Amino acid sequence: MRLPQEKIQKYRSIIGAHFITAPWSFMWVYGNLAEYMASYVRFSCSPACYDADNEWILPIYVASFCPGLFLVRLLMSKIGLRGTGIAIMTITGVSLLASAWAIGVSVMWTVMMMGILNGFCVSITVCIAYLYIHGWAPENAAILMASISCTPNLVSILQNQIITAIVNPTNLKPDVQEDHKMYFSQPEVLERVPKAILVQGIMTVCLQAVGYLLVSTPPTNSAANPSSVDGNKKLSVKESSKNRVSDTHLRIKSETTELLEIKALQSNGDSRKIYPSIVESNCGKNLATLQDQSKSTKSSVGTFKANVETNEAKCTQCGPESQNPSQVVKTAVFWTLWLSWCALSYGLLLHSDTYKQFGLVFIPDDKFLTFLGSLIPFTTSTARIVFGLLIDKHILSIKDSLVLALASNVLLCSIWYFTPQIHKLMYLIFILSHASALGMYYVVFPAAAMRIFGPVHFSTILGLLYSAQTVSGLATALLVTPLVQVFGWFWLFISCSSLSFLALIITLTTEIVA
């Protein structure tokens, strides 16, 4: 049996949207690459090369997500969804490939390429992938968003193994300790670092190109379609959505009034027949029609009441009315989500950036820690799929998910410092548990933005939420190195636990309906 063309386009686009997010793998690749890059800058670069701290790369990468999201609607209105994606893919490729050259010339240039430009483009890329998913399969958006966020993790498993195989195939141990950190000084390790960066960039660009070959423009009634942001339309998506919702509420209100009138007539013994009426939901479909004109008034009343109740249920399922960003930032829910995102992104940055650096202090086994780094994305992917399903099936609410993530981060960051000192197997269990707890990070917040605030201004509202990640990224870049040098690793991890505890208390006291 041959599938309709629209279904083929739908399935191809869903698969393509997963490939599009390949550059996002940098989040999990950098934790492995950072140790090699830090050693390369410390021992292979000229003094002029060391014009910035390479610890800035990942925090600046994360901080650059927010500005990019605010440009999505503007770019879509000018060159369309697909055109925006291809343009951003080109810039991403240039930034990653140029980093292989920049690392030997200037740390500042490397921060600009790998951090600022790469992060800026990845944020737009992820939003584009989400819009493709919401355009083609809005009914399964949460689980597919979770699935999309897993793809870069799986890509990073392969990339991490390739990077270590290129840079340190014989599993040499770091041989220099400075400021609570370990470094490689062996020339045979250091000279291969630029090549590993180049290979990672080529893999990323190729996978993303496959994604854009597969995707198709979403249906015209989707908020992800470029025509939805066309200024020449008589009604914007927001306005038409509001009109549909208002229309539905008026109809239900009108027919409820009619129902009360019918009951009054019935109580007075009036036997007039009630003629059929059609009730439309805000999805634009005829949900029910009262057809039996010959039945008694009592039967008609019962049928009508059942139809009204059905309409109300269907109308509720069609989703919330979209809110303006100016309305959103005035709500307690937004700021609760913002603080939670800030706390969890701080934990995620520490997890991604320091699991290997801190691990090498007590476990001088590069291949073991690379193996651990390869398990992290797999564990995180599984957790994201599970949480995506639980949220999609309404087993877990947005608030439940936030509480679970924050409470786990509080507990695990409190014991982080001690785990590698017990045994490397204990460190493996700890890191994978922490990865699972953070697994819902990229599932909960996009789903919350869509469910609570609506799809029309999704990219803008997601950008506002991402500003929390910008703040935590900049704070991490400024504070992590001084905290480690002055207070040590223990207090760095306690600072993360404390911030999550504050966010947890506020989340528990805020009403979040979604």
Protein backbone atom coordinates (compact mmCIF):
# COMPACT_ATOMS: atom_id res chain seq x y z
CA MET A 1 0.00 0.00 0.00
CA ARG A 2 1.46 3.32 -1.09
CA LEU A 3 1.64 6.13 1.46
CA PRO A 4 0.13 9.51 0.53
CA GLN A 5 2.67 12.13 -0.51
CA GLU A 6 1.90 14.28 2.52
CA LYS A 7 2.66 11.41 4.90
CA ILE A 8 5.94 10.71 3.14
CA GLN A 9 6.87 14.38 3.50
CA LYS A 10 5.88 14.27 7.16
CA TYR A 11 8.05 11.25 7.98
CA ARG A 12 10.99 12.56 5.95
CA SER A 13 10.74 15.93 7.68
CA ILE A 14 10.63 14.38 11.15
CA ILE A 15 13.74 12.32 10.35
CA GLY A 16 15.44 15.33 8.76
CA ALA A 17 14.71 17.51 11.79
CA HIS A 18 16.72 15.06 13.88
CA PHE A 19 19.76 15.34 11.59
CA ILE A 20 19.50 19.14 11.54
CA THR A 21 20.43 19.33 15.23
CA ALA A 22 23.83 17.63 14.74
CA PRO A 23 25.81 20.78 15.76
CA TRP A 24 24.20 20.53 19.19
CA SER A 25 26.54 17.58 19.86
CA PHE A 26 29.23 20.14 20.69
CA MET A 27 27.68 20.41 24.16
CA TRP A 28 28.81 16.86 24.94
CA VAL A 29 31.89 16.71 22.73
CA TYR A 30 33.54 19.72 24.35
CA GLY A 31 33.85 18.04 27.76
CA ASN A 32 36.21 15.52 26.15
CA LEU A 33 37.88 18.01 23.82
CA ALA A 34 38.41 20.68 26.51
CA GLU A 35 41.21 18.82 28.28
CA TYR A 36 43.15 18.40 25.04
CA MET A 37 42.56 22.01 24.01
CA ALA A 38 43.63 23.34 27.42
CA SER A 39 46.83 21.30 27.21
CA TYR A 40 47.46 22.45 23.64
CA VAL A 41 47.05 26.11 24.56
CA ARG A 42 49.20 25.68 27.69
CA PHE A 43 52.15 23.90 26.05
CA SER A 44 51.99 24.28 22.24
CA CYS A 45 50.89 27.86 21.59
CA SER A 46 53.14 30.89 21.56
CA PRO A 47 52.67 33.42 24.41
CA ALA A 48 50.71 35.65 22.00
CA CYS A 49 48.23 32.82 21.41
CA TYR A 50 47.12 32.79 25.05
CA ASP A 51 45.06 36.01 24.87
CA ALA A 52 41.98 34.61 26.64
CA ASP A 53 40.93 31.72 28.86
CA ASN A 54 39.79 28.62 26.98
CA GLU A 55 37.42 27.94 29.91
CA TRP A 56 35.19 30.59 28.33
CA ILE A 57 34.36 28.50 25.26
CA LEU A 58 31.50 26.35 26.58
CA PRO A 59 29.88 29.01 28.82
CA ILE A 60 29.99 31.55 25.98
CA TYR A 61 28.60 28.91 23.61
CA VAL A 62 25.65 28.40 25.97
CA ALA A 63 25.24 32.12 26.62
CA SER A 64 25.01 32.80 22.86
CA PHE A 65 21.86 30.68 22.51
CA CYS A 66 19.56 33.48 23.65
CA PRO A 67 20.38 36.21 21.05
CA GLY A 68 19.97 33.78 18.17
CA LEU A 69 16.44 32.79 19.14
CA PHE A 70 15.19 36.37 18.86
CA LEU A 71 16.15 36.45 15.17
CA VAL A 72 14.25 33.32 14.12
CA ARG A 73 10.94 35.02 13.26
CA LEU A 74 12.67 37.87 11.43
CA LEU A 75 14.80 35.50 9.34
CA MET A 76 11.81 33.27 8.59
CA SER A 77 9.79 36.23 7.36
CA LYS A 78 12.62 37.24 5.00
CA ILE A 79 13.99 33.96 3.60
CA GLY A 80 11.62 31.28 4.91
CA LEU A 81 12.15 28.39 7.30
CA ARG A 82 14.30 26.32 4.94
CA GLY A 83 16.34 29.30 3.73
CA THR A 84 17.05 30.31 7.32
CA GLY A 85 18.22 26.81 8.14
CA ILE A 86 20.58 26.53 5.18
CA ALA A 87 22.09 29.97 5.83
CA ILE A 88 22.70 29.11 9.47
CA MET A 89 24.14 25.70 8.53
CA THR A 90 26.71 27.45 6.33
CA ILE A 91 27.78 29.79 9.14
CA THR A 92 27.97 26.86 11.58
CA GLY A 93 30.23 24.93 9.23
CA VAL A 94 32.55 27.89 8.76
CA SER A 95 32.80 28.49 12.53
CA LEU A 96 33.62 24.85 13.35
CA LEU A 97 36.13 24.35 10.55
CA ALA A 98 37.82 27.70 11.24
CA SER A 99 38.28 26.69 14.88
CA ALA A 100 40.89 24.12 13.81
CA TRP A 101 42.98 27.04 12.52
CA ALA A 102 42.10 29.48 15.32
CA ILE A 103 43.30 27.22 18.16
CA GLY A 104 46.88 27.61 16.99
CA VAL A 105 46.65 31.38 16.53
CA SER A 106 44.50 32.88 19.28
CA VAL A 107 42.35 31.62 22.12
CA MET A 108 40.16 34.70 21.67
CA TRP A 109 39.46 33.77 18.05
CA THR A 110 38.70 30.21 19.15
CA VAL A 111 36.21 31.52 21.72
CA MET A 112 34.57 33.63 19.01
CA MET A 113 34.34 30.72 16.52
CA MET A 114 33.50 27.81 18.83
CA GLY A 115 31.69 29.82 21.48
CA ILE A 116 29.90 32.91 20.19
CA LEU A 117 29.26 32.07 16.53
CA ASN A 118 28.67 28.36 17.05
CA GLY A 119 26.29 28.88 19.99
CA PHE A 120 24.40 31.64 18.17
CA CYS A 121 23.82 29.35 15.16
CA VAL A 122 22.99 26.23 17.17
CA SER A 123 20.18 28.02 19.02
CA ILE A 124 18.55 29.00 15.72
CA THR A 125 19.09 25.49 14.37
CA VAL A 126 17.38 23.87 17.37
CA CYS A 127 14.42 26.26 17.14
CA ILE A 128 14.07 25.50 13.42
CA ALA A 129 14.04 21.77 14.17
CA TYR A 130 11.35 22.30 16.84
CA LEU A 131 9.27 24.33 14.37
CA TYR A 132 9.48 21.56 11.78
CA ILE A 133 8.30 19.08 14.41
CA HIS A 134 5.47 21.31 15.63
CA GLY A 135 4.48 22.00 12.03
CA TRP A 136 4.29 18.37 10.96
CA ALA A 137 3.34 16.55 14.19
CA PRO A 138 1.95 18.93 16.85
CA GLU A 139 0.05 16.10 18.53
CA ASN A 140 3.34 14.37 19.44
CA ALA A 141 5.49 17.46 19.88
CA ALA A 142 6.80 16.69 23.39
CA ILE A 143 8.09 13.19 22.63
CA LEU A 144 9.53 14.27 19.28
CA MET A 145 11.25 17.27 20.88
CA ALA A 146 12.75 14.82 23.36
CA SER A 147 13.80 12.58 20.48
CA ILE A 148 15.37 15.51 18.62
CA SER A 149 17.35 16.55 21.67
CA CYS A 150 18.72 12.99 21.88
CA THR A 151 20.16 12.90 18.36
CA PRO A 152 23.13 15.20 19.05
CA ASN A 153 23.88 13.13 22.15
CA LEU A 154 24.10 9.98 20.07
CA VAL A 155 26.25 11.77 17.49
CA SER A 156 28.62 12.87 20.26
CA ILE A 157 29.18 9.23 21.30
CA LEU A 158 30.84 8.53 17.96
CA GLN A 159 32.61 11.89 17.86
CA ASN A 160 34.12 11.44 21.34
CA GLN A 161 35.55 8.05 20.44
CA ILE A 162 37.02 9.40 17.20
CA ILE A 163 38.54 12.44 18.96
CA THR A 164 40.29 10.33 21.60
CA ALA A 165 41.41 7.80 18.97
CA ILE A 166 43.03 10.65 17.02
CA VAL A 167 44.57 12.59 19.92
CA ASN A 168 45.53 9.92 22.47
CA PRO A 169 45.39 6.44 20.88
CA THR A 170 47.88 4.94 23.37
CA ASN A 171 46.05 6.23 26.48
CA LEU A 172 48.89 8.39 27.78
CA LYS A 173 48.30 9.86 31.24
CA PRO A 174 48.26 13.61 31.92
CA ASP A 175 51.65 14.42 33.41
CA VAL A 176 51.39 18.02 34.68
CA GLN A 177 49.25 19.30 37.57
CA GLU A 178 48.58 23.03 38.00
CA ASP A 179 45.85 24.86 39.94
CA HIS A 180 43.90 21.69 40.83
CA LYS A 181 43.90 20.61 37.14
CA MET A 182 45.77 18.01 35.08
CA TYR A 183 47.36 18.63 31.65
CA PHE A 184 49.00 16.64 28.85
CA SER A 185 52.43 17.92 27.83
CA GLN A 186 53.40 15.08 25.46
CA PRO A 187 54.09 16.45 21.93
CA GLU A 188 52.52 13.40 20.25
CA VAL A 189 49.22 14.26 21.96
CA LEU A 190 49.31 18.01 21.44
CA GLU A 191 50.11 18.03 17.72
CA ARG A 192 46.94 16.06 16.91
CA VAL A 193 44.48 18.41 18.63
CA PRO A 194 43.75 20.69 15.59
CA LYS A 195 43.14 17.63 13.41
CA ALA A 196 40.56 16.29 15.90
CA ILE A 197 38.73 19.65 15.86
CA LEU A 198 38.66 19.59 12.05
CA VAL A 199 37.27 16.04 11.89
CA GLN A 200 34.53 16.89 14.40
CA GLY A 201 33.51 19.91 12.32
CA ILE A 202 33.36 17.95 9.05
CA MET A 203 31.18 15.23 10.61
CA THR A 204 28.78 17.83 12.00
CA VAL A 205 28.35 19.72 8.72
CA CYS A 206 27.76 16.52 6.71
CA LEU A 207 25.05 15.25 9.07
CA GLN A 208 23.29 18.61 9.09
CA ALA A 209 23.33 18.77 5.28
CA VAL A 210 21.54 15.40 5.15
CA GLY A 211 18.84 16.83 7.43
CA TYR A 212 18.09 19.78 5.16
CA LEU A 213 17.87 17.46 2.15
CA LEU A 214 15.10 15.53 3.92
CA VAL A 215 12.87 18.25 5.41
CA SER A 216 9.90 19.84 3.65
CA THR A 217 7.98 23.03 4.44
CA PRO A 218 5.23 22.32 7.02
CA PRO A 219 1.52 22.58 6.05
CA THR A 220 0.19 26.10 5.47
CA ASN A 221 -1.99 26.05 8.59
CA SER A 222 1.06 25.51 10.79
CA ALA A 223 2.67 28.23 12.89
CA ALA A 224 6.00 26.93 11.57
CA ASN A 225 5.11 27.75 7.97
CA PRO A 226 6.80 30.92 6.69
CA SER A 227 3.46 32.28 5.52
CA SER A 228 2.42 32.37 9.16
CA VAL A 229 4.76 35.27 9.74
CA ASP A 230 3.98 37.08 6.48
CA GLY A 231 3.14 40.68 7.21
CA ASN A 232 0.86 40.91 4.16
CA LYS A 233 -1.72 38.55 5.58
CA LYS A 234 -5.02 40.12 6.57
CA LEU A 235 -4.90 38.42 9.93
CA SER A 236 -1.79 37.32 11.77
CA VAL A 237 -1.70 33.82 13.21
CA LYS A 238 -2.09 35.30 16.65
CA GLU A 239 -5.19 37.27 15.69
CA SER A 240 -6.85 34.42 13.84
CA SER A 241 -6.08 32.07 16.71
CA LYS A 242 -7.62 34.51 19.18
CA ASN A 243 -10.68 34.93 16.96
CA ARG A 244 -11.17 31.17 16.72
CA VAL A 245 -10.89 30.72 20.48
CA SER A 246 -13.20 33.67 21.16
CA ASP A 247 -15.67 32.33 18.59
CA THR A 248 -15.72 28.97 20.32
CA HIS A 249 -16.27 30.46 23.74
CA LEU A 250 -19.13 32.62 22.42
CA ARG A 251 -20.79 29.62 20.77
CA ILE A 252 -20.50 27.48 23.88
CA LYS A 253 -21.80 30.33 26.02
CA SER A 254 -24.70 30.92 23.64
CA GLU A 255 -25.68 27.28 23.50
CA THR A 256 -25.35 26.90 27.26
CA THR A 257 -27.84 29.78 27.59
CA GLU A 258 -30.09 27.94 25.14
CA LEU A 259 -29.82 24.82 27.30
CA LEU A 260 -31.01 26.75 30.35
CA GLU A 261 -33.94 28.12 28.35
CA ILE A 262 -34.86 24.60 27.24
CA LYS A 263 -34.81 23.39 30.83
CA ALA A 264 -37.08 26.27 31.82
CA LEU A 265 -39.53 25.38 29.02
CA GLN A 266 -39.44 21.74 30.05
CA SER A 267 -40.23 22.59 33.65
CA ASN A 268 -43.24 24.60 32.44
CA GLY A 269 -44.50 21.64 30.44
CA ASP A 270 -43.69 23.12 27.01
CA SER A 271 -43.32 20.32 24.42
CA ARG A 272 -41.78 22.31 21.54
CA LYS A 273 -39.00 20.61 19.62
CA ILE A 274 -35.44 21.84 19.75
CA TYR A 275 -33.82 22.25 16.34
CA PRO A 276 -30.23 21.12 15.62
CA SER A 277 -27.25 23.39 16.09
CA ILE A 278 -23.66 22.95 15.05
CA VAL A 279 -20.89 23.64 17.53
CA GLU A 280 -17.39 24.26 16.20
CA SER A 281 -14.19 23.94 18.19
CA ASN A 282 -11.24 26.28 17.81
CA CYS A 283 -9.61 23.62 15.64
CA GLY A 284 -12.16 24.50 12.94
CA LYS A 285 -13.93 21.12 12.79
CA ASN A 286 -17.62 20.27 13.24
CA LEU A 287 -17.51 18.31 16.43
CA ALA A 288 -21.20 17.46 16.83
CA THR A 289 -24.63 18.14 15.34
CA LEU A 290 -27.97 17.67 17.07
CA GLN A 291 -29.83 15.67 14.42
CA ASP A 292 -32.92 14.13 15.92
CA GLN A 293 -35.63 16.78 15.54
CA SER A 294 -38.51 14.44 16.26
CA LYS A 295 -37.49 13.28 19.71
CA SER A 296 -39.01 14.64 22.86
CA THR A 297 -37.74 17.80 24.50
CA LYS A 298 -36.13 15.73 27.24
CA SER A 299 -34.18 13.64 24.72
CA SER A 300 -33.07 16.73 22.82
CA VAL A 301 -31.88 18.39 25.99
CA GLY A 302 -29.83 15.32 26.94
CA THR A 303 -28.27 15.06 23.48
CA PHE A 304 -27.49 18.76 23.39
CA LYS A 305 -25.89 18.67 26.84
CA ALA A 306 -23.66 15.75 25.84
CA ASN A 307 -22.52 17.59 22.71
CA VAL A 308 -21.68 20.76 24.63
CA GLU A 309 -19.60 18.74 27.12
CA THR A 310 -17.81 17.04 24.22
CA ASN A 311 -17.08 20.39 22.63
CA GLU A 312 -15.64 21.79 25.85
CA ALA A 313 -13.34 18.78 26.20
CA LYS A 314 -12.20 18.98 22.58
CA CYS A 315 -11.67 22.71 22.81
CA THR A 316 -9.45 22.24 25.86
CA GLN A 317 -7.34 19.64 24.03
CA CYS A 318 -6.59 22.04 21.18
CA GLY A 319 -4.13 23.88 23.41
CA PRO A 320 -3.81 27.19 25.21
CA GLU A 321 -4.36 30.58 23.71
CA SER A 322 -1.02 32.07 22.68
CA GLN A 323 0.27 34.91 24.84
CA ASN A 324 2.35 37.91 23.87
CA PRO A 325 5.92 38.05 25.20
CA SER A 326 4.96 41.27 27.02
CA GLN A 327 2.23 39.34 28.85
CA VAL A 328 4.45 36.35 29.53
CA VAL A 329 7.23 38.24 31.33
CA LYS A 330 4.70 39.59 33.85
CA THR A 331 3.75 36.11 35.09
CA ALA A 332 5.19 34.29 38.10
CA VAL A 333 5.30 31.09 36.06
CA PHE A 334 7.73 32.60 33.55
CA TRP A 335 10.17 33.73 36.23
CA THR A 336 9.93 30.38 38.01
CA LEU A 337 10.81 28.64 34.76
CA TRP A 338 13.58 31.19 34.18
CA LEU A 339 15.22 30.60 37.57
CA SER A 340 14.87 26.83 37.24
CA TRP A 341 16.49 26.99 33.81
CA CYS A 342 19.30 29.11 35.25
CA ALA A 343 19.97 26.61 38.04
CA LEU A 344 19.81 23.52 35.85
CA SER A 345 21.91 25.06 33.08
CA TYR A 346 24.59 25.85 35.66
CA GLY A 347 24.56 22.19 36.65
CA LEU A 348 24.64 21.12 33.02
CA LEU A 349 27.61 23.38 32.26
CA LEU A 350 29.58 22.02 35.20
CA HIS A 351 28.65 18.49 34.21
CA SER A 352 29.65 18.91 30.56
CA ASP A 353 32.79 20.96 31.14
CA THR A 354 34.34 19.43 34.25
CA TYR A 355 33.43 15.73 34.39
CA LYS A 356 36.76 14.90 32.71
CA GLN A 357 38.87 17.73 34.15
CA PHE A 358 37.79 16.92 37.70
CA GLY A 359 37.88 13.18 37.08
CA LEU A 360 41.52 13.27 35.93
CA VAL A 361 42.55 14.70 39.31
CA PHE A 362 41.65 11.40 41.02
CA ILE A 363 41.34 9.00 38.04
CA PRO A 364 44.31 9.45 35.64
CA ASP A 365 42.79 7.21 32.96
CA ASP A 366 41.98 9.13 29.77
CA LYS A 367 40.31 6.26 27.92
CA PHE A 368 38.08 5.39 30.89
CA LEU A 369 36.88 8.98 31.14
CA THR A 370 36.35 9.11 27.36
CA PHE A 371 34.30 5.92 27.67
CA LEU A 372 32.34 7.57 30.47
CA GLY A 373 31.84 10.62 28.26
CA SER A 374 30.41 8.34 25.57
CA LEU A 375 27.94 6.81 28.02
CA ILE A 376 26.68 10.23 29.16
CA PRO A 377 24.86 11.07 25.88
CA PHE A 378 23.32 7.60 25.72
CA THR A 379 22.05 7.90 29.30
CA THR A 380 20.81 11.43 28.72
CA SER A 381 19.05 10.41 25.51
CA THR A 382 17.23 7.58 27.25
CA ALA A 383 16.18 9.91 30.07
CA ARG A 384 14.91 12.51 27.60
CA ILE A 385 12.81 9.94 25.74
CA VAL A 386 11.35 8.62 29.00
CA PHE A 387 10.56 12.09 30.35
CA GLY A 388 9.20 13.16 26.96
CA LEU A 389 6.77 10.22 27.01
CA LEU A 390 5.78 10.87 30.62
CA ILE A 391 5.07 14.53 29.85
CA ASP A 392 3.29 13.71 26.59
CA LYS A 393 1.02 11.19 28.35
CA HIS A 394 0.39 13.67 31.20
CA ILE A 395 1.84 11.22 33.71
CA LEU A 396 4.27 13.95 34.76
CA SER A 397 3.28 17.59 34.68
CA ILE A 398 5.71 20.39 33.90
CA LYS A 399 5.91 21.20 37.62
CA ASP A 400 6.52 17.56 38.59
CA SER A 401 9.38 17.38 36.09
CA LEU A 402 10.97 20.59 37.36
CA VAL A 403 10.77 19.49 40.99
CA LEU A 404 12.31 16.11 40.15
CA ALA A 405 15.17 17.66 38.15
CA LEU A 406 15.96 20.35 40.73
CA ALA A 407 15.80 18.00 43.73
CA SER A 408 18.11 15.54 41.98
CA ASN A 409 20.59 18.30 41.16
CA VAL A 410 20.60 19.47 44.79
CA LEU A 411 21.39 16.00 46.09
CA LEU A 412 23.90 14.90 43.45
CA CYS A 413 25.95 18.11 43.40
CA SER A 414 26.28 17.83 47.18
CA ILE A 415 28.16 14.51 46.89
CA TRP A 416 29.96 15.12 43.57
CA TYR A 417 33.35 15.90 45.13
CA PHE A 418 33.59 12.60 47.03
CA THR A 419 32.60 10.07 44.36
CA PRO A 420 35.86 9.76 42.33
CA GLN A 421 37.83 9.39 45.57
CA ILE A 422 35.90 6.23 46.45
CA HIS A 423 36.33 4.33 43.15
CA LYS A 424 36.16 5.07 39.45
CA LEU A 425 33.10 2.81 39.18
CA MET A 426 31.38 4.99 41.77
CA TYR A 427 32.27 8.05 39.70
CA LEU A 428 30.78 6.40 36.62
CA ILE A 429 27.52 5.67 38.46
CA PHE A 430 27.38 9.21 39.81
CA ILE A 431 28.02 10.92 36.46
CA LEU A 432 25.42 8.79 34.68
CA SER A 433 22.87 9.43 37.44
CA HIS A 434 23.49 13.16 37.15
CA ALA A 435 23.16 12.92 33.37
CA SER A 436 19.79 11.20 33.79
CA ALA A 437 18.57 13.90 36.17
CA LEU A 438 19.61 16.60 33.70
CA GLY A 439 18.10 14.61 30.84
CA MET A 440 14.80 16.45 31.00
CA TYR A 441 16.55 19.83 30.70
CA TYR A 442 15.96 20.25 26.97
CA VAL A 443 12.54 18.57 27.08
CA VAL A 444 10.73 20.36 29.90
CA PHE A 445 11.41 23.97 28.96
CA PRO A 446 10.44 23.84 25.25
CA ALA A 447 7.35 21.82 26.20
CA ALA A 448 6.53 24.35 28.93
CA ALA A 449 6.91 27.28 26.52
CA MET A 450 4.58 25.59 24.02
CA ARG A 451 1.97 24.32 26.49
CA ILE A 452 1.76 27.25 28.87
CA PHE A 453 2.30 30.20 26.54
CA GLY A 454 1.15 28.84 23.15
CA PRO A 455 2.87 28.25 19.78
CA VAL A 456 2.53 31.63 18.03
CA HIS A 457 5.41 33.39 19.83
CA PHE A 458 7.24 30.16 20.66
CA SER A 459 10.69 31.21 19.39
CA THR A 460 10.56 34.60 21.14
CA ILE A 461 9.37 33.17 24.46
CA LEU A 462 11.90 30.36 24.26
CA GLY A 463 14.51 33.04 23.63
CA LEU A 464 13.42 34.88 26.77
CA LEU A 465 13.74 31.66 28.76
CA TYR A 466 17.12 31.01 27.16
CA SER A 467 18.31 34.31 28.63
CA ALA A 468 18.60 32.34 31.89
CA GLN A 469 21.12 30.13 30.16
CA THR A 470 22.96 33.24 28.98
CA VAL A 471 23.21 34.52 32.54
CA SER A 472 24.39 31.17 33.91
CA GLY A 473 26.84 30.81 31.02
CA LEU A 474 28.45 34.19 31.63
CA ALA A 475 28.51 33.59 35.39
CA THR A 476 30.16 30.21 34.86
CA ALA A 477 32.81 31.71 32.59
CA LEU A 478 33.61 34.39 35.16
CA LEU A 479 33.42 32.37 38.37
CA VAL A 480 34.43 28.73 37.80
CA THR A 481 38.20 29.19 37.45
CA PRO A 482 38.49 31.62 40.43
CA LEU A 483 36.25 29.38 42.57
CA VAL A 484 38.37 26.32 41.85
CA GLN A 485 41.66 28.17 42.39
CA VAL A 486 40.61 29.85 45.65
CA PHE A 487 38.14 27.44 47.26
CA GLY A 488 38.61 24.16 45.38
CA TRP A 489 36.26 21.79 43.59
CA PHE A 490 34.06 21.03 46.60
CA TRP A 491 32.71 24.57 46.96
CA LEU A 492 32.20 24.86 43.21
CA PHE A 493 29.80 21.91 43.32
CA ILE A 494 28.11 23.21 46.49
CA SER A 495 27.39 26.52 44.74
CA CYS A 496 25.45 24.59 42.09
CA SER A 497 23.54 22.64 44.73
CA SER A 498 22.60 25.85 46.57
CA LEU A 499 21.23 27.57 43.46
CA SER A 500 19.11 24.53 42.60
CA PHE A 501 17.78 24.44 46.16
CA LEU A 502 16.61 28.06 45.87
CA ALA A 503 14.90 27.32 42.54
CA LEU A 504 13.29 24.20 44.03
CA ILE A 505 11.69 26.17 46.90
CA ILE A 506 10.27 28.77 44.50
CA THR A 507 8.98 26.10 42.10
CA LEU A 508 7.16 24.28 44.91
CA THR A 509 5.38 27.50 45.93
CA THR A 510 4.36 28.55 42.39
CA GLU A 511 1.22 27.28 40.65
CA ILE A 512 2.17 25.85 37.24
CA VAL A 513 -0.74 24.41 35.25
CA ALA A 514 0.48 22.33 32.29
